[in-house]
Amino acid sequence: QLYREARECLTLLSQRLGSQKFFFGDSPASLDALVFSRLAPLLKAKLPNGKLQQHLKSLQNLCNYCTSILSLYFPWDGGESRPPPHPAGSGEAEEDPHKRRNQLLSVLVGLAAMLGYAFLSGIVSIQRGGVGPAGRQPITMEEEEEEE
């Protein structure tokens, strides 16, 4: 039942697309994004049961539709061309010149967030050592309990 309905849906999409490049003419719309997001994995993935995939491959206009979108918006993935290879000897620093800085900033922001939480929740508190404002020693927790 499910396969039959899915096959029917693919057939209807194929009929609606016809020979157009996109569903609503020459430029993509949100429907094209939605349909492509469902068709491309079905067309490209290796599936244990390929009944639906075989039906999609038999609908040449939908296959061309997916291939066209892949080559237009994902030329390094869907088309024959690949992204330009990195020159020999290129390291991580050339891929993202600010990678180390971003990592360090992430660690510092995380540390600041944890310390802020510790102070605000009362897990950690700072007490001054030495003499208090009126020349007296600060009261410790033990002395405070004795006074009560």
N, C-alpha and C. Protein backbone atom coordinates (compact mmCIF):
# COMPACT_ATOMS: atom_id res chain seq x y z
N GLN A 1 0.84 -1.19 0.00
CA GLN A 1 0.00 0.00 0.00
C GLN A 1 0.89 1.25 0.00
N LEU A 2 1.89 1.28 0.89
CA LEU A 2 2.76 2.45 1.00
C LEU A 2 3.58 2.64 -0.28
N TYR A 3 4.15 1.55 -0.78
CA TYR A 3 4.92 1.64 -2.02
C TYR A 3 4.03 2.08 -3.18
N ARG A 4 2.85 1.59 -3.23
CA ARG A 4 1.92 1.95 -4.31
C ARG A 4 1.63 3.45 -4.28
N GLU A 5 1.39 3.98 -3.09
CA GLU A 5 1.10 5.41 -2.96
C GLU A 5 2.34 6.25 -3.28
N ALA A 6 3.51 5.78 -2.86
CA ALA A 6 4.74 6.51 -3.16
C ALA A 6 5.02 6.51 -4.67
N ARG A 7 4.80 5.37 -5.31
CA ARG A 7 4.98 5.29 -6.77
C ARG A 7 4.01 6.24 -7.48
N GLU A 8 2.78 6.28 -7.00
CA GLU A 8 1.79 7.17 -7.58
C GLU A 8 2.19 8.63 -7.40
N CYS A 9 2.71 8.94 -6.23
CA CYS A 9 3.17 10.31 -5.95
C CYS A 9 4.30 10.70 -6.89
N LEU A 10 5.27 9.80 -7.08
CA LEU A 10 6.37 10.09 -7.99
C LEU A 10 5.87 10.28 -9.43
N THR A 11 4.93 9.46 -9.82
CA THR A 11 4.37 9.58 -11.17
C THR A 11 3.66 10.91 -11.35
N LEU A 12 2.89 11.31 -10.34
CA LEU A 12 2.19 12.60 -10.41
C LEU A 12 3.18 13.77 -10.44
N LEU A 13 4.25 13.68 -9.66
CA LEU A 13 5.27 14.73 -9.69
C LEU A 13 5.91 14.81 -11.06
N SER A 14 6.17 13.66 -11.65
CA SER A 14 6.76 13.62 -12.99
C SER A 14 5.83 14.26 -14.01
N GLN A 15 4.55 13.96 -13.91
CA GLN A 15 3.57 14.54 -14.83
C GLN A 15 3.48 16.05 -14.64
N ARG A 16 3.48 16.50 -13.38
CA ARG A 16 3.38 17.94 -13.09
C ARG A 16 4.61 18.69 -13.58
N LEU A 17 5.79 18.10 -13.41
CA LEU A 17 7.03 18.75 -13.86
C LEU A 17 7.08 18.81 -15.38
N GLY A 18 6.67 17.74 -16.02
CA GLY A 18 6.69 17.71 -17.48
C GLY A 18 8.08 17.94 -18.01
N SER A 19 8.21 18.88 -18.94
CA SER A 19 9.52 19.18 -19.52
C SER A 19 10.10 20.48 -18.98
N GLN A 20 9.47 21.03 -17.94
CA GLN A 20 9.96 22.27 -17.34
C GLN A 20 11.24 22.00 -16.54
N LYS A 21 12.00 23.07 -16.34
CA LYS A 21 13.22 22.95 -15.54
C LYS A 21 12.88 22.87 -14.05
N PHE A 22 11.91 23.66 -13.62
CA PHE A 22 11.43 23.66 -12.25
C PHE A 22 9.90 23.57 -12.27
N PHE A 23 9.32 23.33 -11.12
CA PHE A 23 7.87 23.12 -11.07
C PHE A 23 7.06 24.35 -11.47
N PHE A 24 7.60 25.54 -11.20
CA PHE A 24 6.86 26.76 -11.55
C PHE A 24 7.61 27.59 -12.56
N GLY A 25 8.23 26.96 -13.55
CA GLY A 25 8.89 27.71 -14.61
C GLY A 25 10.39 27.56 -14.61
N ASP A 26 11.06 28.70 -14.89
CA ASP A 26 12.52 28.68 -15.05
C ASP A 26 13.30 28.98 -13.78
N SER A 27 12.61 29.34 -12.72
CA SER A 27 13.34 29.61 -11.48
C SER A 27 12.77 28.75 -10.35
N PRO A 28 13.64 28.34 -9.43
CA PRO A 28 13.18 27.45 -8.36
C PRO A 28 12.29 28.18 -7.35
N ALA A 29 11.39 27.42 -6.75
CA ALA A 29 10.51 27.92 -5.70
C ALA A 29 10.67 27.01 -4.48
N SER A 30 9.98 27.32 -3.41
CA SER A 30 10.10 26.50 -2.21
C SER A 30 9.63 25.07 -2.45
N LEU A 31 8.68 24.87 -3.35
CA LEU A 31 8.25 23.52 -3.69
C LEU A 31 9.40 22.72 -4.30
N ASP A 32 10.21 23.38 -5.11
CA ASP A 32 11.37 22.70 -5.70
C ASP A 32 12.35 22.25 -4.62
N ALA A 33 12.56 23.09 -3.64
CA ALA A 33 13.45 22.71 -2.54
C ALA A 33 12.90 21.52 -1.77
N LEU A 34 11.61 21.53 -1.53
CA LEU A 34 10.98 20.44 -0.80
C LEU A 34 11.04 19.13 -1.60
N VAL A 35 10.67 19.19 -2.86
CA VAL A 35 10.68 17.99 -3.69
C VAL A 35 12.10 17.46 -3.85
N PHE A 36 13.04 18.35 -4.11
CA PHE A 36 14.43 17.92 -4.27
C PHE A 36 14.95 17.26 -2.99
N SER A 37 14.58 17.82 -1.83
CA SER A 37 15.07 17.27 -0.56
C SER A 37 14.57 15.85 -0.32
N ARG A 38 13.47 15.47 -1.00
CA ARG A 38 12.96 14.11 -0.86
C ARG A 38 13.47 13.19 -1.97
N LEU A 39 13.62 13.75 -3.17
CA LEU A 39 14.00 12.93 -4.31
C LEU A 39 15.50 12.61 -4.36
N ALA A 40 16.34 13.59 -4.05
CA ALA A 40 17.78 13.38 -4.20
C ALA A 40 18.30 12.22 -3.35
N PRO A 41 17.94 12.13 -2.07
CA PRO A 41 18.42 10.96 -1.30
C PRO A 41 17.87 9.64 -1.86
N LEU A 42 16.63 9.67 -2.30
CA LEU A 42 16.03 8.47 -2.86
C LEU A 42 16.75 8.05 -4.14
N LEU A 43 17.18 9.04 -4.90
CA LEU A 43 17.87 8.75 -6.16
C LEU A 43 19.31 8.33 -5.94
N LYS A 44 20.00 8.94 -4.98
CA LYS A 44 21.44 8.75 -4.83
C LYS A 44 21.84 7.71 -3.78
N ALA A 45 21.01 7.46 -2.79
CA ALA A 45 21.39 6.57 -1.67
C ALA A 45 21.34 5.11 -2.10
N LYS A 46 22.18 4.33 -1.46
CA LYS A 46 22.13 2.88 -1.66
C LYS A 46 21.10 2.34 -0.68
N LEU A 47 20.05 1.75 -1.21
CA LEU A 47 18.95 1.29 -0.38
C LEU A 47 18.86 -0.23 -0.41
N PRO A 48 18.45 -0.84 0.71
CA PRO A 48 18.34 -2.30 0.75
C PRO A 48 17.23 -2.81 -0.18
N ASN A 49 16.16 -2.06 -0.30
CA ASN A 49 15.08 -2.42 -1.20
C ASN A 49 14.93 -1.29 -2.20
N GLY A 50 15.25 -1.53 -3.45
CA GLY A 50 15.31 -0.47 -4.43
C GLY A 50 14.09 -0.34 -5.31
N LYS A 51 12.93 -0.84 -4.89
CA LYS A 51 11.74 -0.76 -5.73
C LYS A 51 11.39 0.69 -6.09
N LEU A 52 11.30 1.52 -5.06
CA LEU A 52 10.92 2.91 -5.28
C LEU A 52 12.02 3.66 -6.03
N GLN A 53 13.26 3.33 -5.72
CA GLN A 53 14.38 3.96 -6.41
C GLN A 53 14.36 3.61 -7.90
N GLN A 54 14.05 2.36 -8.22
CA GLN A 54 13.98 1.95 -9.62
C GLN A 54 12.85 2.68 -10.35
N HIS A 55 11.73 2.88 -9.67
CA HIS A 55 10.62 3.61 -10.27
C HIS A 55 11.04 5.06 -10.54
N LEU A 56 11.73 5.67 -9.57
CA LEU A 56 12.19 7.04 -9.76
C LEU A 56 13.17 7.11 -10.94
N LYS A 57 14.07 6.15 -11.04
CA LYS A 57 15.03 6.15 -12.15
C LYS A 57 14.35 5.95 -13.50
N SER A 58 13.17 5.36 -13.48
CA SER A 58 12.44 5.19 -14.75
C SER A 58 11.76 6.49 -15.19
N LEU A 59 11.61 7.44 -14.28
CA LEU A 59 11.00 8.74 -14.60
C LEU A 59 12.14 9.71 -14.94
N GLN A 60 12.51 9.75 -16.21
CA GLN A 60 13.71 10.45 -16.65
C GLN A 60 13.67 11.94 -16.33
N ASN A 61 12.50 12.57 -16.40
CA ASN A 61 12.46 14.01 -16.14
C ASN A 61 12.76 14.32 -14.67
N LEU A 62 12.34 13.46 -13.74
CA LEU A 62 12.67 13.68 -12.33
C LEU A 62 14.16 13.44 -12.07
N CYS A 63 14.74 12.46 -12.75
CA CYS A 63 16.19 12.23 -12.62
C CYS A 63 16.97 13.42 -13.16
N ASN A 64 16.56 13.94 -14.31
CA ASN A 64 17.21 15.12 -14.88
C ASN A 64 17.04 16.34 -13.96
N TYR A 65 15.86 16.44 -13.37
CA TYR A 65 15.56 17.52 -12.42
C TYR A 65 16.55 17.50 -11.25
N CYS A 66 16.73 16.33 -10.65
CA CYS A 66 17.66 16.19 -9.52
C CYS A 66 19.10 16.46 -9.95
N THR A 67 19.49 15.91 -11.09
CA THR A 67 20.85 16.12 -11.59
C THR A 67 21.10 17.59 -11.89
N SER A 68 20.11 18.24 -12.45
CA SER A 68 20.23 19.67 -12.77
C SER A 68 20.43 20.50 -11.50
N ILE A 69 19.63 20.23 -10.50
CA ILE A 69 19.75 20.98 -9.24
C ILE A 69 21.08 20.67 -8.56
N LEU A 70 21.48 19.41 -8.57
CA LEU A 70 22.77 19.05 -7.98
C LEU A 70 23.92 19.77 -8.66
N SER A 71 23.92 19.80 -9.98
CA SER A 71 25.03 20.45 -10.68
C SER A 71 24.96 21.97 -10.58
N LEU A 72 23.75 22.52 -10.43
CA LEU A 72 23.59 23.96 -10.33
C LEU A 72 23.98 24.49 -8.95
N TYR A 73 23.50 23.82 -7.91
CA TYR A 73 23.71 24.33 -6.55
C TYR A 73 24.78 23.58 -5.77
N PHE A 74 25.14 22.39 -6.20
CA PHE A 74 26.16 21.59 -5.53
C PHE A 74 27.14 21.04 -6.57
N PRO A 75 27.85 21.91 -7.27
CA PRO A 75 28.67 21.43 -8.39
C PRO A 75 29.79 20.48 -7.97
N TRP A 76 30.26 20.58 -6.76
CA TRP A 76 31.32 19.69 -6.29
C TRP A 76 30.80 18.32 -5.90
N ASP A 77 29.47 18.19 -5.77
CA ASP A 77 28.88 16.93 -5.30
C ASP A 77 28.08 16.23 -6.38
N GLY A 78 27.26 16.96 -7.08
CA GLY A 78 26.33 16.32 -8.00
C GLY A 78 26.83 16.23 -9.42
N GLY A 79 27.64 17.20 -9.82
CA GLY A 79 28.12 17.19 -11.19
C GLY A 79 29.39 16.38 -11.33
N GLU A 80 29.93 16.44 -12.53
CA GLU A 80 31.16 15.70 -12.79
C GLU A 80 32.36 16.40 -12.18
N SER A 81 32.26 17.72 -12.02
CA SER A 81 33.42 18.46 -11.51
C SER A 81 33.54 18.28 -10.00
N ARG A 82 34.74 18.34 -9.55
CA ARG A 82 35.05 18.23 -8.12
C ARG A 82 35.61 19.55 -7.65
N PRO A 83 35.63 19.80 -6.32
CA PRO A 83 36.23 21.04 -5.85
C PRO A 83 37.72 21.03 -6.18
N PRO A 84 38.31 22.19 -6.34
CA PRO A 84 39.73 22.22 -6.68
C PRO A 84 40.54 21.55 -5.58
N PRO A 85 41.51 20.70 -5.98
CA PRO A 85 42.31 20.02 -4.98
C PRO A 85 43.22 21.01 -4.26
N HIS A 86 43.53 20.68 -3.00
CA HIS A 86 44.42 21.54 -2.23
C HIS A 86 45.84 21.33 -2.70
N PRO A 87 46.62 22.39 -2.77
CA PRO A 87 48.00 22.22 -3.19
C PRO A 87 48.76 21.35 -2.21
N ALA A 88 49.79 20.70 -2.70
CA ALA A 88 50.59 19.82 -1.85
C ALA A 88 51.18 20.61 -0.71
N GLY A 89 51.18 20.02 0.47
CA GLY A 89 51.77 20.66 1.64
C GLY A 89 50.82 21.60 2.35
N SER A 90 49.59 21.68 1.89
CA SER A 90 48.66 22.57 2.58
C SER A 90 48.21 21.90 3.87
N GLY A 91 48.24 22.65 4.93
CA GLY A 91 47.87 22.10 6.24
C GLY A 91 46.54 22.65 6.68
N GLU A 92 46.22 22.37 7.94
CA GLU A 92 44.96 22.85 8.50
C GLU A 92 44.91 24.36 8.54
N ALA A 93 46.05 24.98 8.74
CA ALA A 93 46.10 26.43 8.87
C ALA A 93 45.62 27.11 7.59
N GLU A 94 45.90 26.51 6.43
CA GLU A 94 45.47 27.11 5.18
C GLU A 94 43.98 26.90 4.94
N GLU A 95 43.41 25.81 5.43
CA GLU A 95 41.99 25.56 5.25
C GLU A 95 41.16 26.61 6.00
N ASP A 96 41.50 26.87 7.23
CA ASP A 96 40.81 27.87 8.03
C ASP A 96 41.87 28.64 8.81
N PRO A 97 42.24 29.82 8.34
CA PRO A 97 43.34 30.53 9.00
C PRO A 97 43.05 30.93 10.44
N HIS A 98 41.79 30.98 10.81
CA HIS A 98 41.43 31.39 12.17
C HIS A 98 40.96 30.21 13.03
N LYS A 99 41.29 29.00 12.64
CA LYS A 99 40.81 27.82 13.35
C LYS A 99 41.31 27.80 14.79
N ARG A 100 42.59 28.01 14.99
CA ARG A 100 43.16 28.00 16.35
C ARG A 100 42.56 29.10 17.21
N ARG A 101 42.41 30.29 16.63
CA ARG A 101 41.83 31.40 17.38
C ARG A 101 40.41 31.07 17.79
N ASN A 102 39.63 30.51 16.88
CA ASN A 102 38.25 30.16 17.18
C ASN A 102 38.17 29.07 18.26
N GLN A 103 39.08 28.10 18.20
CA GLN A 103 39.11 27.06 19.23
C GLN A 103 39.43 27.66 20.59
N LEU A 104 40.43 28.55 20.64
CA LEU A 104 40.81 29.17 21.90
C LEU A 104 39.66 30.03 22.44
N LEU A 105 39.01 30.78 21.57
CA LEU A 105 37.88 31.60 22.01
C LEU A 105 36.74 30.73 22.53
N SER A 106 36.51 29.61 21.89
CA SER A 106 35.45 28.70 22.35
C SER A 106 35.75 28.18 23.74
N VAL A 107 37.00 27.80 23.98
CA VAL A 107 37.40 27.31 25.29
C VAL A 107 37.25 28.41 26.34
N LEU A 108 37.68 29.62 26.01
CA LEU A 108 37.59 30.72 26.96
C LEU A 108 36.14 31.09 27.28
N VAL A 109 35.29 31.10 26.28
CA VAL A 109 33.87 31.41 26.51
C VAL A 109 33.23 30.32 27.37
N GLY A 110 33.56 29.06 27.10
CA GLY A 110 33.04 27.96 27.91
C GLY A 110 33.50 28.06 29.35
N LEU A 111 34.78 28.37 29.53
CA LEU A 111 35.33 28.51 30.89
C LEU A 111 34.68 29.67 31.62
N ALA A 112 34.50 30.79 30.93
CA ALA A 112 33.85 31.94 31.56
C ALA A 112 32.41 31.62 31.94
N ALA A 113 31.72 30.89 31.10
CA ALA A 113 30.33 30.51 31.40
C ALA A 113 30.27 29.60 32.62
N MET A 114 31.18 28.64 32.70
CA MET A 114 31.18 27.74 33.86
C MET A 114 31.52 28.49 35.14
N LEU A 115 32.51 29.37 35.08
CA LEU A 115 32.87 30.14 36.28
C LEU A 115 31.74 31.08 36.69
N GLY A 116 31.11 31.71 35.71
CA GLY A 116 29.98 32.58 36.02
C GLY A 116 28.86 31.81 36.70
N TYR A 117 28.56 30.62 36.21
CA TYR A 117 27.53 29.80 36.83
C TYR A 117 27.93 29.42 38.25
N ALA A 118 29.20 29.06 38.44
CA ALA A 118 29.66 28.66 39.77
C ALA A 118 29.52 29.81 40.76
N PHE A 119 29.86 31.03 40.36
CA PHE A 119 29.75 32.18 41.26
C PHE A 119 28.28 32.54 41.52
N LEU A 120 27.48 32.57 40.47
CA LEU A 120 26.09 32.97 40.62
C LEU A 120 25.26 31.96 41.41
N SER A 121 25.60 30.69 41.31
CA SER A 121 24.84 29.69 42.03
C SER A 121 25.34 29.50 43.46
N GLY A 122 26.47 30.11 43.79
CA GLY A 122 26.99 30.02 45.15
C GLY A 122 27.91 28.83 45.38
N ILE A 123 28.22 28.10 44.35
CA ILE A 123 29.14 26.96 44.49
C ILE A 123 30.51 27.47 44.89
N VAL A 124 30.91 28.60 44.34
CA VAL A 124 32.21 29.20 44.62
C VAL A 124 31.96 30.62 45.08
N SER A 125 32.66 31.05 46.09
CA SER A 125 32.57 32.44 46.53
C SER A 125 33.97 32.95 46.85
N ILE A 126 34.13 34.24 46.77
CA ILE A 126 35.44 34.85 47.04
C ILE A 126 35.35 35.59 48.35
N GLN A 127 36.28 35.30 49.25
CA GLN A 127 36.35 36.01 50.53
C GLN A 127 37.71 36.68 50.62
N ARG A 128 37.69 37.87 51.15
CA ARG A 128 38.94 38.59 51.32
C ARG A 128 39.68 38.04 52.53
N GLY A 129 40.94 37.94 52.40
CA GLY A 129 41.75 37.53 53.54
C GLY A 129 42.29 38.77 54.24
N GLY A 130 42.77 38.60 55.44
CA GLY A 130 43.36 39.73 56.15
C GLY A 130 42.35 40.43 57.03
N VAL A 131 42.59 41.71 57.25
CA VAL A 131 41.81 42.49 58.19
C VAL A 131 40.58 43.08 57.51
N GLY A 132 39.44 43.07 58.22
CA GLY A 132 38.19 43.59 57.71
C GLY A 132 38.17 45.11 57.73
N PRO A 133 37.07 45.74 57.37
CA PRO A 133 36.99 47.20 57.23
C PRO A 133 37.17 47.95 58.54
N ALA A 134 36.73 47.45 59.66
CA ALA A 134 36.84 48.18 60.93
C ALA A 134 38.03 47.69 61.74
N GLY A 135 39.01 47.12 61.09
CA GLY A 135 40.17 46.64 61.80
C GLY A 135 39.95 45.28 62.44
N ARG A 136 38.83 44.64 62.17
CA ARG A 136 38.54 43.33 62.75
C ARG A 136 38.85 42.26 61.73
N GLN A 137 39.09 41.06 62.23
CA GLN A 137 39.28 39.90 61.37
C GLN A 137 37.92 39.50 60.79
N PRO A 138 37.89 39.00 59.58
CA PRO A 138 36.61 38.55 59.03
C PRO A 138 36.09 37.34 59.79
N ILE A 139 34.78 37.23 59.87
CA ILE A 139 34.16 36.12 60.59
C ILE A 139 34.15 34.90 59.68
N THR A 140 34.62 33.79 60.18
CA THR A 140 34.59 32.56 59.40
C THR A 140 33.29 31.84 59.67
N MET A 141 33.04 30.79 58.93
CA MET A 141 31.81 30.02 59.09
C MET A 141 31.71 29.44 60.50
N GLU A 142 32.82 28.96 61.05
CA GLU A 142 32.79 28.34 62.39
C GLU A 142 32.43 29.37 63.46
N GLU A 143 33.02 30.56 63.37
CA GLU A 143 32.73 31.61 64.34
C GLU A 143 31.29 32.06 64.21
N GLU A 144 30.77 32.11 63.02
CA GLU A 144 29.40 32.53 62.79
C GLU A 144 28.44 31.55 63.46
N GLU A 145 28.73 30.26 63.33
CA GLU A 145 27.87 29.25 63.95
C GLU A 145 27.91 29.35 65.47
N GLU A 146 29.10 29.67 66.04
CA GLU A 146 29.22 29.80 67.48
C GLU A 146 28.43 30.99 68.00
N GLU A 147 28.38 32.09 67.23
CA GLU A 147 27.66 33.29 67.67
C GLU A 147 26.16 33.04 67.73
N GLU A 148 25.65 32.17 66.89
CA GLU A 148 24.22 31.90 66.89
C GLU A 148 23.90 31.05 68.05
